[in-house]
Amino acid sequence: MTKADIVETVYQRVGFSKKDSAELVDMVFETLKETLEKGEKIKISGFGNFVVRDKKARKGRNPKTGEEIEISARRVLTFKPSQVLKKMLNPNR
């Protein structure tokens, strides 16, 4: 599913104009990005949690040459689905 598909779904289900639907979707994504950029956690009930984690610099190895390299520190985004979403994905468990 693409962003355009999400806009189309909002347009069909809510009844906003396509322009208003696109603006709404853009605002939601922009809010999510700004929140994550600040390092804050996002919890969407019934869906899951988005968390930004800091990874320290570490030593790695180039698998092709075997040469040791330094992997720089960075921030990564993780997602943990809620129990509700897990049950929807695996109804027989």
PDB file of N, CA and C in Angstrom:
ATOM      1  N   MET A   1       0.848  -1.179   0.000  1.00  0.00           N
ATOM      2  CA  MET A   1       0.000   0.000   0.000  1.00  0.00           C
ATOM      3  C   MET A   1       0.887   1.233   0.000  1.00  0.00           C
ATOM      4  N   THR A   2       0.535   2.179  -0.821  1.00  0.00           N
ATOM      5  CA  THR A   2       1.299   3.424  -0.915  1.00  0.00           C
ATOM      6  C   THR A   2       0.536   4.558  -0.235  1.00  0.00           C
ATOM      7  N   LYS A   3       1.208   5.687  -0.122  1.00  0.00           N
ATOM      8  CA  LYS A   3       0.569   6.875   0.453  1.00  0.00           C
ATOM      9  C   LYS A   3      -0.646   7.272  -0.385  1.00  0.00           C
ATOM     10  N   ALA A   4      -0.531   7.158  -1.704  1.00  0.00           N
ATOM     11  CA  ALA A   4      -1.656   7.476  -2.589  1.00  0.00           C
ATOM     12  C   ALA A   4      -2.838   6.543  -2.322  1.00  0.00           C
ATOM     13  N   ASP A   5      -2.560   5.282  -2.032  1.00  0.00           N
ATOM     14  CA  ASP A   5      -3.622   4.330  -1.691  1.00  0.00           C
ATOM     15  C   ASP A   5      -4.313   4.729  -0.391  1.00  0.00           C
ATOM     16  N   ILE A   6      -3.541   5.204   0.576  1.00  0.00           N
ATOM     17  CA  ILE A   6      -4.116   5.649   1.851  1.00  0.00           C
ATOM     18  C   ILE A   6      -5.006   6.869   1.622  1.00  0.00           C
ATOM     19  N   VAL A   7      -4.531   7.805   0.821  1.00  0.00           N
ATOM     20  CA  VAL A   7      -5.337   8.996   0.491  1.00  0.00           C
ATOM     21  C   VAL A   7      -6.645   8.564  -0.179  1.00  0.00           C
ATOM     22  N   GLU A   8      -6.560   7.640  -1.107  1.00  0.00           N
ATOM     23  CA  GLU A   8      -7.751   7.153  -1.814  1.00  0.00           C
ATOM     24  C   GLU A   8      -8.729   6.489  -0.846  1.00  0.00           C
ATOM     25  N   THR A   9      -8.218   5.715   0.103  1.00  0.00           N
ATOM     26  CA  THR A   9      -9.074   5.050   1.088  1.00  0.00           C
ATOM     27  C   THR A   9      -9.777   6.071   1.977  1.00  0.00           C
ATOM     28  N   VAL A  10      -9.030   7.095   2.431  1.00  0.00           N
ATOM     29  CA  VAL A  10      -9.633   8.153   3.248  1.00  0.00           C
ATOM     30  C   VAL A  10     -10.709   8.872   2.431  1.00  0.00           C
ATOM     31  N   TYR A  11     -10.406   9.165   1.194  1.00  0.00           N
ATOM     32  CA  TYR A  11     -11.362   9.835   0.292  1.00  0.00           C
ATOM     33  C   TYR A  11     -12.657   9.028   0.176  1.00  0.00           C
ATOM     34  N   GLN A  12     -12.535   7.713  -0.022  1.00  0.00           N
ATOM     35  CA  GLN A  12     -13.715   6.860  -0.209  1.00  0.00           C
ATOM     36  C   GLN A  12     -14.501   6.650   1.083  1.00  0.00           C
ATOM     37  N   ARG A  13     -13.810   6.450   2.185  1.00  0.00           N
ATOM     38  CA  ARG A  13     -14.490   6.110   3.443  1.00  0.00           C
ATOM     39  C   ARG A  13     -15.040   7.309   4.197  1.00  0.00           C
ATOM     40  N   VAL A  14     -14.311   8.434   4.171  1.00  0.00           N
ATOM     41  CA  VAL A  14     -14.698   9.583   4.977  1.00  0.00           C
ATOM     42  C   VAL A  14     -15.540  10.576   4.180  1.00  0.00           C
ATOM     43  N   GLY A  15     -15.270  10.659   2.890  1.00  0.00           N
ATOM     44  CA  GLY A  15     -16.058  11.570   2.067  1.00  0.00           C
ATOM     45  C   GLY A  15     -15.458  12.949   1.898  1.00  0.00           C
ATOM     46  N   PHE A  16     -14.236  13.147   2.388  1.00  0.00           N
ATOM     47  CA  PHE A  16     -13.546  14.413   2.139  1.00  0.00           C
ATOM     48  C   PHE A  16     -13.185  14.472   0.653  1.00  0.00           C
ATOM     49  N   SER A  17     -12.873  15.672   0.176  1.00  0.00           N
ATOM     50  CA  SER A  17     -12.371  15.788  -1.194  1.00  0.00           C
ATOM     51  C   SER A  17     -11.000  15.121  -1.250  1.00  0.00           C
ATOM     52  N   LYS A  18     -10.546  14.820  -2.456  1.00  0.00           N
ATOM     53  CA  LYS A  18      -9.219  14.194  -2.582  1.00  0.00           C
ATOM     54  C   LYS A  18      -8.133  15.116  -2.047  1.00  0.00           C
ATOM     55  N   LYS A  19      -8.279  16.414  -2.283  1.00  0.00           N
ATOM     56  CA  LYS A  19      -7.292  17.377  -1.796  1.00  0.00           C
ATOM     57  C   LYS A  19      -7.260  17.389  -0.274  1.00  0.00           C
ATOM     58  N   ASP A  20      -8.455  17.429   0.357  1.00  0.00           N
ATOM     59  CA  ASP A  20      -8.527  17.419   1.822  1.00  0.00           C
ATOM     60  C   ASP A  20      -7.998  16.106   2.395  1.00  0.00           C
ATOM     61  N   SER A  21      -8.301  15.002   1.729  1.00  0.00           N
ATOM     62  CA  SER A  21      -7.812  13.694   2.169  1.00  0.00           C
ATOM     63  C   SER A  21      -6.289  13.647   2.119  1.00  0.00           C
ATOM     64  N   ALA A  22      -5.720  14.176   1.046  1.00  0.00           N
ATOM     65  CA  ALA A  22      -4.261  14.187   0.900  1.00  0.00           C
ATOM     66  C   ALA A  22      -3.624  15.067   1.973  1.00  0.00           C
ATOM     67  N   GLU A  23      -4.232  16.220   2.260  1.00  0.00           N
ATOM     68  CA  GLU A  23      -3.706  17.111   3.291  1.00  0.00           C
ATOM     69  C   GLU A  23      -3.770  16.454   4.666  1.00  0.00           C
ATOM     70  N   LEU A  24      -4.863  15.758   4.942  1.00  0.00           N
ATOM     71  CA  LEU A  24      -5.016  15.064   6.220  1.00  0.00           C
ATOM     72  C   LEU A  24      -3.950  13.985   6.390  1.00  0.00           C
ATOM     73  N   VAL A  25      -3.767  13.180   5.370  1.00  0.00           N
ATOM     74  CA  VAL A  25      -2.759  12.113   5.422  1.00  0.00           C
ATOM     75  C   VAL A  25      -1.364  12.723   5.580  1.00  0.00           C
ATOM     76  N   ASP A  26      -1.086  13.790   4.841  1.00  0.00           N
ATOM     77  CA  ASP A  26       0.214  14.470   4.966  1.00  0.00           C
ATOM     78  C   ASP A  26       0.437  14.995   6.375  1.00  0.00           C
ATOM     79  N   MET A  27      -0.602  15.588   6.984  1.00  0.00           N
ATOM     80  CA  MET A  27      -0.481  16.114   8.344  1.00  0.00           C
ATOM     81  C   MET A  27      -0.192  15.003   9.350  1.00  0.00           C
ATOM     82  N   VAL A  28      -0.879  13.875   9.196  1.00  0.00           N
ATOM     83  CA  VAL A  28      -0.664  12.745  10.114  1.00  0.00           C
ATOM     84  C   VAL A  28       0.777  12.249   9.992  1.00  0.00           C
ATOM     85  N   PHE A  29       1.245  12.034   8.764  1.00  0.00           N
ATOM     86  CA  PHE A  29       2.615  11.550   8.577  1.00  0.00           C
ATOM     87  C   PHE A  29       3.644  12.564   9.059  1.00  0.00           C
ATOM     88  N   GLU A  30       3.395  13.828   8.828  1.00  0.00           N
ATOM     89  CA  GLU A  30       4.323  14.875   9.274  1.00  0.00           C
ATOM     90  C   GLU A  30       4.406  14.901  10.798  1.00  0.00           C
ATOM     91  N   THR A  31       3.258  14.761  11.462  1.00  0.00           N
ATOM     92  CA  THR A  31       3.235  14.713  12.928  1.00  0.00           C
ATOM     93  C   THR A  31       4.009  13.504  13.443  1.00  0.00           C
ATOM     94  N   LEU A  32       3.822  12.358  12.807  1.00  0.00           N
ATOM     95  CA  LEU A  32       4.562  11.154  13.204  1.00  0.00           C
ATOM     96  C   LEU A  32       6.072  11.366  13.037  1.00  0.00           C
ATOM     97  N   LYS A  33       6.471  11.911  11.896  1.00  0.00           N
ATOM     98  CA  LYS A  33       7.898  12.141  11.644  1.00  0.00           C
ATOM     99  C   LYS A  33       8.504  13.109  12.649  1.00  0.00           C
ATOM    100  N   GLU A  34       7.809  14.201  12.936  1.00  0.00           N
ATOM    101  CA  GLU A  34       8.321  15.198  13.883  1.00  0.00           C
ATOM    102  C   GLU A  34       8.469  14.596  15.277  1.00  0.00           C
ATOM    103  N   THR A  35       7.494  13.790  15.679  1.00  0.00           N
ATOM    104  CA  THR A  35       7.532  13.158  16.993  1.00  0.00           C
ATOM    105  C   THR A  35       8.709  12.192  17.091  1.00  0.00           C
ATOM    106  N   LEU A  36       8.906  11.378  16.059  1.00  0.00           N
ATOM    107  CA  LEU A  36      10.018  10.416  16.062  1.00  0.00           C
ATOM    108  C   LEU A  36      11.366  11.131  15.993  1.00  0.00           C
ATOM    109  N   GLU A  37      11.427  12.223  15.249  1.00  0.00           N
ATOM    110  CA  GLU A  37      12.666  12.993  15.136  1.00  0.00           C
ATOM    111  C   GLU A  37      13.118  13.520  16.494  1.00  0.00           C
ATOM    112  N   LYS A  38      12.142  13.858  17.347  1.00  0.00           N
ATOM    113  CA  LYS A  38      12.454  14.327  18.700  1.00  0.00           C
ATOM    114  C   LYS A  38      12.848  13.181  19.623  1.00  0.00           C
ATOM    115  N   GLY A  39      12.730  11.953  19.133  1.00  0.00           N
ATOM    116  CA  GLY A  39      13.093  10.793  19.947  1.00  0.00           C
ATOM    117  C   GLY A  39      11.965  10.291  20.830  1.00  0.00           C
ATOM    118  N   GLU A  40      10.769  10.789  20.602  1.00  0.00           N
ATOM    119  CA  GLU A  40       9.625  10.378  21.415  1.00  0.00           C
ATOM    120  C   GLU A  40       8.998   9.107  20.851  1.00  0.00           C
ATOM    121  N   LYS A  41       8.369   8.348  21.732  1.00  0.00           N
ATOM    122  CA  LYS A  41       7.712   7.102  21.363  1.00  0.00           C
ATOM    123  C   LYS A  41       6.301   7.405  20.851  1.00  0.00           C
ATOM    124  N   ILE A  42       5.843   6.618  19.876  1.00  0.00           N
ATOM    125  CA  ILE A  42       4.480   6.744  19.378  1.00  0.00           C
ATOM    126  C   ILE A  42       3.756   5.438  19.674  1.00  0.00           C
ATOM    127  N   LYS A  43       2.645   5.537  20.395  1.00  0.00           N
ATOM    128  CA  LYS A  43       1.845   4.367  20.724  1.00  0.00           C
ATOM    129  C   LYS A  43       0.467   4.545  20.105  1.00  0.00           C
ATOM    130  N   ILE A  44       0.116   3.645  19.189  1.00  0.00           N
ATOM    131  CA  ILE A  44      -1.184   3.685  18.539  1.00  0.00           C
ATOM    132  C   ILE A  44      -1.961   2.468  19.029  1.00  0.00           C
ATOM    133  N   SER A  45      -2.954   2.715  19.846  1.00  0.00           N
ATOM    134  CA  SER A  45      -3.739   1.643  20.460  1.00  0.00           C
ATOM    135  C   SER A  45      -4.337   0.734  19.387  1.00  0.00           C
ATOM    136  N   GLY A  46      -4.178  -0.568  19.585  1.00  0.00           N
ATOM    137  CA  GLY A  46      -4.712  -1.537  18.634  1.00  0.00           C
ATOM    138  C   GLY A  46      -3.829  -1.740  17.423  1.00  0.00           C
ATOM    139  N   PHE A  47      -2.720  -1.013  17.331  1.00  0.00           N
ATOM    140  CA  PHE A  47      -1.817  -1.130  16.180  1.00  0.00           C
ATOM    141  C   PHE A  47      -0.409  -1.486  16.626  1.00  0.00           C
ATOM    142  N   GLY A  48       0.222  -0.620  17.440  1.00  0.00           N
ATOM    143  CA  GLY A  48       1.558  -0.926  17.924  1.00  0.00           C
ATOM    144  C   GLY A  48       2.324   0.302  18.357  1.00  0.00           C
ATOM    145  N   ASN A  49       3.615   0.093  18.657  1.00  0.00           N
ATOM    146  CA  ASN A  49       4.495   1.150  19.151  1.00  0.00           C
ATOM    147  C   ASN A  49       5.661   1.371  18.190  1.00  0.00           C
ATOM    148  N   PHE A  50       5.951   2.632  17.941  1.00  0.00           N
ATOM    149  CA  PHE A  50       7.141   3.029  17.188  1.00  0.00           C
ATOM    150  C   PHE A  50       8.101   3.649  18.194  1.00  0.00           C
ATOM    151  N   VAL A  51       9.351   3.174  18.201  1.00  0.00           N
ATOM    152  CA  VAL A  51      10.341   3.673  19.147  1.00  0.00           C
ATOM    153  C   VAL A  51      11.648   3.936  18.401  1.00  0.00           C
ATOM    154  N   VAL A  52      12.263   5.093  18.683  1.00  0.00           N
ATOM    155  CA  VAL A  52      13.584   5.410  18.134  1.00  0.00           C
ATOM    156  C   VAL A  52      14.617   4.957  19.159  1.00  0.00           C
ATOM    157  N   ARG A  53      15.567   4.156  18.724  1.00  0.00           N
ATOM    158  CA  ARG A  53      16.619   3.656  19.613  1.00  0.00           C
ATOM    159  C   ARG A  53      17.975   4.154  19.118  1.00  0.00           C
ATOM    160  N   ASP A  54      18.843   4.436  20.073  1.00  0.00           N
ATOM    161  CA  ASP A  54      20.210   4.839  19.735  1.00  0.00           C
ATOM    162  C   ASP A  54      21.102   3.608  19.769  1.00  0.00           C
ATOM    163  N   LYS A  55      21.846   3.403  18.677  1.00  0.00           N
ATOM    164  CA  LYS A  55      22.803   2.300  18.624  1.00  0.00           C
ATOM    165  C   LYS A  55      24.201   2.889  18.724  1.00  0.00           C
ATOM    166  N   LYS A  56      25.025   2.275  19.533  1.00  0.00           N
ATOM    167  CA  LYS A  56      26.398   2.743  19.702  1.00  0.00           C
ATOM    168  C   LYS A  56      27.255   2.316  18.512  1.00  0.00           C
ATOM    169  N   ALA A  57      28.378   2.994  18.349  1.00  0.00           N
ATOM    170  CA  ALA A  57      29.336   2.602  17.323  1.00  0.00           C
ATOM    171  C   ALA A  57      29.893   1.232  17.705  1.00  0.00           C
ATOM    172  N   ARG A  58      30.207   0.439  16.684  1.00  0.00           N
ATOM    173  CA  ARG A  58      30.744  -0.898  16.957  1.00  0.00           C
ATOM    174  C   ARG A  58      31.634  -1.346  15.817  1.00  0.00           C
ATOM    175  N   LYS A  59      32.369  -2.379  16.091  1.00  0.00           N
ATOM    176  CA  LYS A  59      33.247  -2.950  15.064  1.00  0.00           C
ATOM    177  C   LYS A  59      32.447  -3.977  14.276  1.00  0.00           C
ATOM    178  N   GLY A  60      32.646  -3.972  12.976  1.00  0.00           N
ATOM    179  CA  GLY A  60      32.006  -4.941  12.095  1.00  0.00           C
ATOM    180  C   GLY A  60      33.037  -5.523  11.161  1.00  0.00           C
ATOM    181  N   ARG A  61      32.581  -6.367  10.278  1.00  0.00           N
ATOM    182  CA  ARG A  61      33.495  -7.003   9.337  1.00  0.00           C
ATOM    183  C   ARG A  61      32.859  -7.000   7.955  1.00  0.00           C
ATOM    184  N   ASN A  62      33.645  -6.600   6.962  1.00  0.00           N
ATOM    185  CA  ASN A  62      33.199  -6.666   5.579  1.00  0.00           C
ATOM    186  C   ASN A  62      33.165  -8.144   5.189  1.00  0.00           C
ATOM    187  N   PRO A  63      31.996  -8.706   4.889  1.00  0.00           N
ATOM    188  CA  PRO A  63      31.922 -10.138   4.609  1.00  0.00           C
ATOM    189  C   PRO A  63      32.661 -10.553   3.337  1.00  0.00           C
ATOM    190  N   LYS A  64      32.834  -9.623   2.432  1.00  0.00           N
ATOM    191  CA  LYS A  64      33.507  -9.948   1.171  1.00  0.00           C
ATOM    192  C   LYS A  64      35.030 -10.043   1.342  1.00  0.00           C
ATOM    193  N   THR A  65      35.595  -9.087   2.104  1.00  0.00           N
ATOM    194  CA  THR A  65      37.055  -9.035   2.240  1.00  0.00           C
ATOM    195  C   THR A  65      37.537  -9.514   3.598  1.00  0.00           C
ATOM    196  N   GLY A  66      36.641  -9.564   4.575  1.00  0.00           N
ATOM    197  CA  GLY A  66      37.042  -9.944   5.933  1.00  0.00           C
ATOM    198  C   GLY A  66      37.668  -8.798   6.702  1.00  0.00           C
ATOM    199  N   GLU A  67      37.773  -7.635   6.079  1.00  0.00           N
ATOM    200  CA  GLU A  67      38.396  -6.471   6.710  1.00  0.00           C
ATOM    201  C   GLU A  67      37.506  -5.923   7.821  1.00  0.00           C
ATOM    202  N   GLU A  68      38.123  -5.582   8.964  1.00  0.00           N
ATOM    203  CA  GLU A  68      37.378  -4.980  10.065  1.00  0.00           C
ATOM    204  C   GLU A  68      37.074  -3.533   9.734  1.00  0.00           C
ATOM    205  N   ILE A  69      35.825  -3.124  10.033  1.00  0.00           N
ATOM    206  CA  ILE A  69      35.419  -1.741   9.789  1.00  0.00           C
ATOM    207  C   ILE A  69      34.684  -1.210  11.015  1.00  0.00           C
ATOM    208  N   GLU A  70      34.630   0.093  11.111  1.00  0.00           N
ATOM    209  CA  GLU A  70      33.905   0.750  12.199  1.00  0.00           C
ATOM    210  C   GLU A  70      32.494   1.076  11.701  1.00  0.00           C
ATOM    211  N   ILE A  71      31.489   0.595  12.412  1.00  0.00           N
ATOM    212  CA  ILE A  71      30.104   0.921  12.087  1.00  0.00           C
ATOM    213  C   ILE A  71      29.717   2.082  13.002  1.00  0.00           C
ATOM    214  N   SER A  72      29.348   3.192  12.406  1.00  0.00           N
ATOM    215  CA  SER A  72      29.099   4.415  13.176  1.00  0.00           C
ATOM    216  C   SER A  72      27.833   4.313  14.027  1.00  0.00           C
ATOM    217  N   ALA A  73      27.782   5.144  15.056  1.00  0.00           N
ATOM    218  CA  ALA A  73      26.598   5.232  15.904  1.00  0.00           C
ATOM    219  C   ALA A  73      25.453   5.785  15.065  1.00  0.00           C
ATOM    220  N   ARG A  74      24.256   5.345  15.373  1.00  0.00           N
ATOM    221  CA  ARG A  74      23.108   5.817  14.605  1.00  0.00           C
ATOM    222  C   ARG A  74      21.822   5.604  15.383  1.00  0.00           C
ATOM    223  N   ARG A  75      20.769   6.199  14.885  1.00  0.00           N
ATOM    224  CA  ARG A  75      19.435   6.016  15.465  1.00  0.00           C
ATOM    225  C   ARG A  75      18.650   5.106  14.536  1.00  0.00           C
ATOM    226  N   VAL A  76      17.911   4.170  15.121  1.00  0.00           N
ATOM    227  CA  VAL A  76      17.097   3.261  14.326  1.00  0.00           C
ATOM    228  C   VAL A  76      15.654   3.309  14.819  1.00  0.00           C
ATOM    229  N   LEU A  77      14.739   3.064  13.916  1.00  0.00           N
ATOM    230  CA  LEU A  77      13.319   3.044  14.241  1.00  0.00           C
ATOM    231  C   LEU A  77      12.871   1.595  14.364  1.00  0.00           C
ATOM    232  N   THR A  78      12.212   1.267  15.468  1.00  0.00           N
ATOM    233  CA  THR A  78      11.688  -0.075  15.647  1.00  0.00           C
ATOM    234  C   THR A  78      10.171  -0.001  15.785  1.00  0.00           C
ATOM    235  N   PHE A  79       9.518  -1.077  15.399  1.00  0.00           N
ATOM    236  CA  PHE A  79       8.070  -1.173  15.523  1.00  0.00           C
ATOM    237  C   PHE A  79       7.733  -2.482  16.216  1.00  0.00           C
ATOM    238  N   LYS A  80       6.883  -2.394  17.221  1.00  0.00           N
ATOM    239  CA  LYS A  80       6.414  -3.590  17.909  1.00  0.00           C
ATOM    240  C   LYS A  80       4.893  -3.610  17.788  1.00  0.00           C
ATOM    241  N   PRO A  81       4.349  -4.615  17.087  1.00  0.00           N
ATOM    242  CA  PRO A  81       2.898  -4.661  16.907  1.00  0.00           C
ATOM    243  C   PRO A  81       2.174  -4.953  18.218  1.00  0.00           C
ATOM    244  N   SER A  82       0.945  -4.442  18.321  1.00  0.00           N
ATOM    245  CA  SER A  82       0.127  -4.696  19.506  1.00  0.00           C
ATOM    246  C   SER A  82      -0.396  -6.131  19.464  1.00  0.00           C
ATOM    247  N   GLN A  83      -0.912  -6.597  20.598  1.00  0.00           N
ATOM    248  CA  GLN A  83      -1.495  -7.938  20.656  1.00  0.00           C
ATOM    249  C   GLN A  83      -2.706  -8.036  19.720  1.00  0.00           C
ATOM    250  N   VAL A  84      -3.473  -6.965  19.598  1.00  0.00           N
ATOM    251  CA  VAL A  84      -4.639  -6.946  18.714  1.00  0.00           C
ATOM    252  C   VAL A  84      -4.211  -7.188  17.266  1.00  0.00           C
ATOM    253  N   LEU A  85      -3.162  -6.485  16.827  1.00  0.00           N
ATOM    254  CA  LEU A  85      -2.667  -6.644  15.459  1.00  0.00           C
ATOM    255  C   LEU A  85      -2.093  -8.042  15.257  1.00  0.00           C
ATOM    256  N   LYS A  86      -1.357  -8.542  16.232  1.00  0.00           N
ATOM    257  CA  LYS A  86      -0.808  -9.899  16.136  1.00  0.00           C
ATOM    258  C   LYS A  86      -1.907 -10.934  15.966  1.00  0.00           C
ATOM    259  N   LYS A  87      -2.997 -10.777  16.729  1.00  0.00           N
ATOM    260  CA  LYS A  87      -4.116 -11.720  16.630  1.00  0.00           C
ATOM    261  C   LYS A  87      -4.808 -11.626  15.278  1.00  0.00           C
ATOM    262  N   MET A  88      -4.878 -10.423  14.709  1.00  0.00           N
ATOM    263  CA  MET A  88      -5.481 -10.269  13.381  1.00  0.00           C
ATOM    264  C   MET A  88      -4.630 -10.967  12.317  1.00  0.00           C
ATOM    265  N   LEU A  89      -3.313 -10.882  12.477  1.00  0.00           N
ATOM    266  CA  LEU A  89      -2.405 -11.481  11.508  1.00  0.00           C
ATOM    267  C   LEU A  89      -2.330 -13.001  11.644  1.00  0.00           C
ATOM    268  N   ASN A  90      -2.523 -13.498  12.862  1.00  0.00           N
ATOM    269  CA  ASN A  90      -2.453 -14.933  13.150  1.00  0.00           C
ATOM    270  C   ASN A  90      -3.700 -15.369  13.916  1.00  0.00           C
ATOM    271  N   PRO A  91      -4.847 -15.463  13.228  1.00  0.00           N
ATOM    272  CA  PRO A  91      -6.106 -15.721  13.918  1.00  0.00           C
ATOM    273  C   PRO A  91      -6.201 -17.110  14.579  1.00  0.00           C
ATOM    274  N   ASN A  92      -5.430 -18.068  14.130  1.00  0.00           N
ATOM    275  CA  ASN A  92      -5.527 -19.435  14.651  1.00  0.00           C
ATOM    276  C   ASN A  92      -4.591 -19.716  15.818  1.00  0.00           C
ATOM    277  N   ARG A  93      -3.919 -18.720  16.311  1.00  0.00           N
ATOM    278  CA  ARG A  93      -2.968 -18.941  17.400  1.00  0.00           C
ATOM    279  C   ARG A  93      -3.559 -18.571  18.714  1.00  0.00           C
TER     280      ARG A  93
END
